Amino acid sequence: MAGETVRLDVREMPPWERRPKIFEILDRLGPGDELELVNDHDPRPLRYELMHEREGQFDFHSGERGPREWVAHIKRAA
């Protein structure tokens, strides 16, 4: 994938399908690749999970774009 961005909008997915799909994509990312995750709430728990269980493997930045749209950029470290 080398420097590619994968976009995943999970707002319409059932909650129990979100985490497995997110981690499926994160596990496939190569160094420098990024997941752009669109969610209906702040993905802070995901950030904490990555910080503790996959320390140093990902850079995580998120922000609110609208009243029901949060976008997180999760980039695999080089």
N, C-alpha and C. Protein backbone atom coordinates (compact mmCIF):
# COMPACT_ATOMS: atom_id res chain seq x y z
N MET A 1 0.80 -1.20 0.00
CA MET A 1 0.00 0.00 0.00
C MET A 1 0.85 1.27 0.00
N ALA A 2 2.03 1.28 0.49
CA ALA A 2 3.02 2.36 0.47
C ALA A 2 2.48 3.77 0.32
N GLY A 3 2.16 4.41 1.44
CA GLY A 3 1.71 5.79 1.44
C GLY A 3 0.26 5.99 1.04
N GLU A 4 -0.49 4.95 1.00
CA GLU A 4 -1.90 5.04 0.62
C GLU A 4 -2.77 5.39 1.82
N THR A 5 -3.95 5.94 1.52
CA THR A 5 -4.95 6.23 2.55
C THR A 5 -6.18 5.39 2.26
N VAL A 6 -6.63 4.68 3.28
CA VAL A 6 -7.85 3.88 3.20
C VAL A 6 -8.90 4.63 4.00
N ARG A 7 -10.07 4.87 3.41
CA ARG A 7 -11.15 5.58 4.10
C ARG A 7 -12.20 4.56 4.53
N LEU A 8 -12.59 4.65 5.80
CA LEU A 8 -13.62 3.77 6.34
C LEU A 8 -14.63 4.61 7.12
N ASP A 9 -15.88 4.58 6.67
CA ASP A 9 -16.96 5.28 7.35
C ASP A 9 -17.77 4.22 8.10
N VAL A 10 -17.71 4.26 9.42
CA VAL A 10 -18.37 3.23 10.22
C VAL A 10 -19.72 3.69 10.79
N ARG A 11 -20.16 4.88 10.41
CA ARG A 11 -21.40 5.43 11.00
C ARG A 11 -22.62 4.56 10.76
N GLU A 12 -22.68 3.86 9.64
CA GLU A 12 -23.85 3.03 9.33
C GLU A 12 -23.66 1.57 9.75
N MET A 13 -22.48 1.22 10.26
CA MET A 13 -22.20 -0.15 10.66
C MET A 13 -22.73 -0.41 12.07
N PRO A 14 -23.22 -1.62 12.35
CA PRO A 14 -23.60 -1.95 13.72
C PRO A 14 -22.35 -1.86 14.62
N PRO A 15 -22.52 -1.39 15.85
CA PRO A 15 -21.38 -1.21 16.74
C PRO A 15 -20.49 -2.45 16.90
N TRP A 16 -21.07 -3.64 16.93
CA TRP A 16 -20.28 -4.85 17.13
C TRP A 16 -19.42 -5.21 15.91
N GLU A 17 -19.66 -4.59 14.76
CA GLU A 17 -18.85 -4.86 13.57
C GLU A 17 -17.71 -3.84 13.40
N ARG A 18 -17.80 -2.73 14.08
CA ARG A 18 -16.86 -1.63 13.86
C ARG A 18 -15.42 -2.00 14.25
N ARG A 19 -15.22 -2.38 15.48
CA ARG A 19 -13.86 -2.65 15.96
C ARG A 19 -13.15 -3.72 15.12
N PRO A 20 -13.79 -4.88 14.86
CA PRO A 20 -13.09 -5.88 14.04
C PRO A 20 -12.70 -5.35 12.65
N LYS A 21 -13.58 -4.56 12.04
CA LYS A 21 -13.28 -4.02 10.72
C LYS A 21 -12.13 -3.03 10.79
N ILE A 22 -12.13 -2.17 11.79
CA ILE A 22 -11.06 -1.18 11.96
C ILE A 22 -9.72 -1.89 12.12
N PHE A 23 -9.67 -2.90 12.98
CA PHE A 23 -8.40 -3.59 13.22
C PHE A 23 -7.98 -4.45 12.04
N GLU A 24 -8.93 -4.95 11.29
CA GLU A 24 -8.59 -5.68 10.07
C GLU A 24 -7.82 -4.76 9.11
N ILE A 25 -8.30 -3.54 8.96
CA ILE A 25 -7.63 -2.58 8.09
C ILE A 25 -6.30 -2.14 8.68
N LEU A 26 -6.26 -1.82 9.97
CA LEU A 26 -5.01 -1.39 10.60
C LEU A 26 -3.93 -2.45 10.47
N ASP A 27 -4.30 -3.71 10.60
CA ASP A 27 -3.32 -4.79 10.49
C ASP A 27 -2.75 -4.93 9.08
N ARG A 28 -3.48 -4.46 8.08
CA ARG A 28 -3.00 -4.55 6.69
C ARG A 28 -2.16 -3.34 6.27
N LEU A 29 -2.19 -2.26 7.05
CA LEU A 29 -1.46 -1.06 6.66
C LEU A 29 0.04 -1.29 6.69
N GLY A 30 0.70 -0.78 5.68
CA GLY A 30 2.16 -0.81 5.66
C GLY A 30 2.71 0.48 6.24
N PRO A 31 4.01 0.57 6.46
CA PRO A 31 4.61 1.80 6.97
C PRO A 31 4.24 3.00 6.11
N GLY A 32 3.76 4.06 6.75
CA GLY A 32 3.38 5.28 6.04
C GLY A 32 1.95 5.28 5.53
N ASP A 33 1.28 4.14 5.54
CA ASP A 33 -0.12 4.07 5.11
C ASP A 33 -1.01 4.62 6.23
N GLU A 34 -2.20 5.06 5.84
CA GLU A 34 -3.08 5.72 6.79
C GLU A 34 -4.52 5.24 6.65
N LEU A 35 -5.20 5.15 7.78
CA LEU A 35 -6.63 4.90 7.81
C LEU A 35 -7.31 6.21 8.16
N GLU A 36 -8.23 6.65 7.30
CA GLU A 36 -9.08 7.80 7.61
C GLU A 36 -10.41 7.22 8.08
N LEU A 37 -10.65 7.33 9.36
CA LEU A 37 -11.82 6.72 9.99
C LEU A 37 -12.88 7.79 10.25
N VAL A 38 -14.07 7.58 9.72
CA VAL A 38 -15.18 8.50 9.94
C VAL A 38 -16.14 7.81 10.90
N ASN A 39 -16.48 8.52 11.98
CA ASN A 39 -17.29 7.93 13.04
C ASN A 39 -18.35 8.94 13.48
N ASP A 40 -19.33 8.49 14.23
CA ASP A 40 -20.39 9.37 14.72
C ASP A 40 -20.11 9.89 16.13
N HIS A 41 -18.95 9.56 16.67
CA HIS A 41 -18.56 10.04 18.00
C HIS A 41 -17.04 10.10 18.07
N ASP A 42 -16.54 10.74 19.09
CA ASP A 42 -15.10 10.85 19.31
C ASP A 42 -14.51 9.45 19.50
N PRO A 43 -13.54 9.06 18.66
CA PRO A 43 -12.96 7.72 18.77
C PRO A 43 -11.86 7.62 19.82
N ARG A 44 -11.98 8.37 20.88
CA ARG A 44 -10.98 8.40 21.94
C ARG A 44 -10.66 7.01 22.52
N PRO A 45 -11.65 6.14 22.76
CA PRO A 45 -11.31 4.80 23.27
C PRO A 45 -10.38 4.02 22.33
N LEU A 46 -10.58 4.18 21.04
CA LEU A 46 -9.71 3.52 20.07
C LEU A 46 -8.29 4.06 20.19
N ARG A 47 -8.16 5.35 20.35
CA ARG A 47 -6.84 5.96 20.51
C ARG A 47 -6.13 5.39 21.74
N TYR A 48 -6.84 5.31 22.86
CA TYR A 48 -6.24 4.76 24.08
C TYR A 48 -5.85 3.30 23.91
N GLU A 49 -6.69 2.55 23.23
CA GLU A 49 -6.37 1.15 22.98
C GLU A 49 -5.09 1.01 22.15
N LEU A 50 -4.97 1.83 21.12
CA LEU A 50 -3.75 1.78 20.30
C LEU A 50 -2.53 2.22 21.09
N MET A 51 -2.69 3.23 21.93
CA MET A 51 -1.57 3.73 22.74
C MET A 51 -1.05 2.65 23.68
N HIS A 52 -1.95 1.85 24.24
CA HIS A 52 -1.55 0.86 25.24
C HIS A 52 -1.21 -0.50 24.66
N GLU A 53 -1.94 -0.93 23.64
CA GLU A 53 -1.72 -2.27 23.11
C GLU A 53 -0.79 -2.30 21.90
N ARG A 54 -0.63 -1.15 21.24
CA ARG A 54 0.23 -1.10 20.05
C ARG A 54 1.09 0.16 20.09
N GLU A 55 1.69 0.36 21.23
CA GLU A 55 2.48 1.55 21.49
C GLU A 55 3.55 1.77 20.42
N GLY A 56 3.57 2.99 19.88
CA GLY A 56 4.59 3.37 18.91
C GLY A 56 4.33 2.88 17.49
N GLN A 57 3.25 2.14 17.27
CA GLN A 57 2.97 1.61 15.94
C GLN A 57 2.15 2.56 15.08
N PHE A 58 1.38 3.48 15.70
CA PHE A 58 0.49 4.35 14.96
C PHE A 58 0.54 5.77 15.48
N ASP A 59 0.37 6.74 14.57
CA ASP A 59 0.14 8.14 14.93
C ASP A 59 -1.35 8.37 14.77
N PHE A 60 -1.97 9.02 15.74
CA PHE A 60 -3.42 9.16 15.78
C PHE A 60 -3.79 10.62 15.96
N HIS A 61 -4.58 11.14 15.04
CA HIS A 61 -5.08 12.52 15.13
C HIS A 61 -6.56 12.49 14.79
N SER A 62 -7.37 13.18 15.59
CA SER A 62 -8.80 13.21 15.28
C SER A 62 -9.38 14.58 15.59
N GLY A 63 -10.52 14.83 14.98
CA GLY A 63 -11.23 16.08 15.23
C GLY A 63 -12.64 16.00 14.71
N GLU A 64 -13.47 16.86 15.25
CA GLU A 64 -14.87 16.89 14.85
C GLU A 64 -15.03 17.75 13.61
N ARG A 65 -15.76 17.24 12.64
CA ARG A 65 -16.04 18.00 11.41
C ARG A 65 -17.48 18.49 11.36
N GLY A 66 -18.30 17.97 12.19
CA GLY A 66 -19.71 18.34 12.18
C GLY A 66 -20.37 17.81 13.42
N PRO A 67 -21.64 18.07 13.57
CA PRO A 67 -22.29 17.64 14.81
C PRO A 67 -22.32 16.11 14.99
N ARG A 68 -22.25 15.36 13.89
CA ARG A 68 -22.27 13.89 14.02
C ARG A 68 -21.20 13.26 13.14
N GLU A 69 -20.09 13.96 12.97
CA GLU A 69 -19.02 13.40 12.15
C GLU A 69 -17.66 13.71 12.78
N TRP A 70 -16.99 12.66 13.20
CA TRP A 70 -15.63 12.75 13.71
C TRP A 70 -14.73 12.03 12.71
N VAL A 71 -13.59 12.61 12.41
CA VAL A 71 -12.65 11.99 11.48
C VAL A 71 -11.33 11.79 12.20
N ALA A 72 -10.86 10.57 12.18
CA ALA A 72 -9.56 10.23 12.77
C ALA A 72 -8.62 9.80 11.65
N HIS A 73 -7.40 10.29 11.73
CA HIS A 73 -6.35 9.87 10.80
C HIS A 73 -5.37 9.03 11.60
N ILE A 74 -5.28 7.76 11.24
CA ILE A 74 -4.44 6.81 11.97
C ILE A 74 -3.38 6.31 10.99
N LYS A 75 -2.15 6.72 11.22
CA LYS A 75 -1.07 6.41 10.29
C LYS A 75 -0.09 5.42 10.92
N ARG A 76 0.24 4.38 10.16
CA ARG A 76 1.21 3.40 10.65
C ARG A 76 2.59 4.06 10.64
N ALA A 77 3.28 3.94 11.73
CA ALA A 77 4.62 4.51 11.85
C ALA A 77 5.57 3.86 10.86
N ALA A 78 6.50 4.66 10.39
CA ALA A 78 7.48 4.17 9.40
C ALA A 78 8.51 3.25 10.04
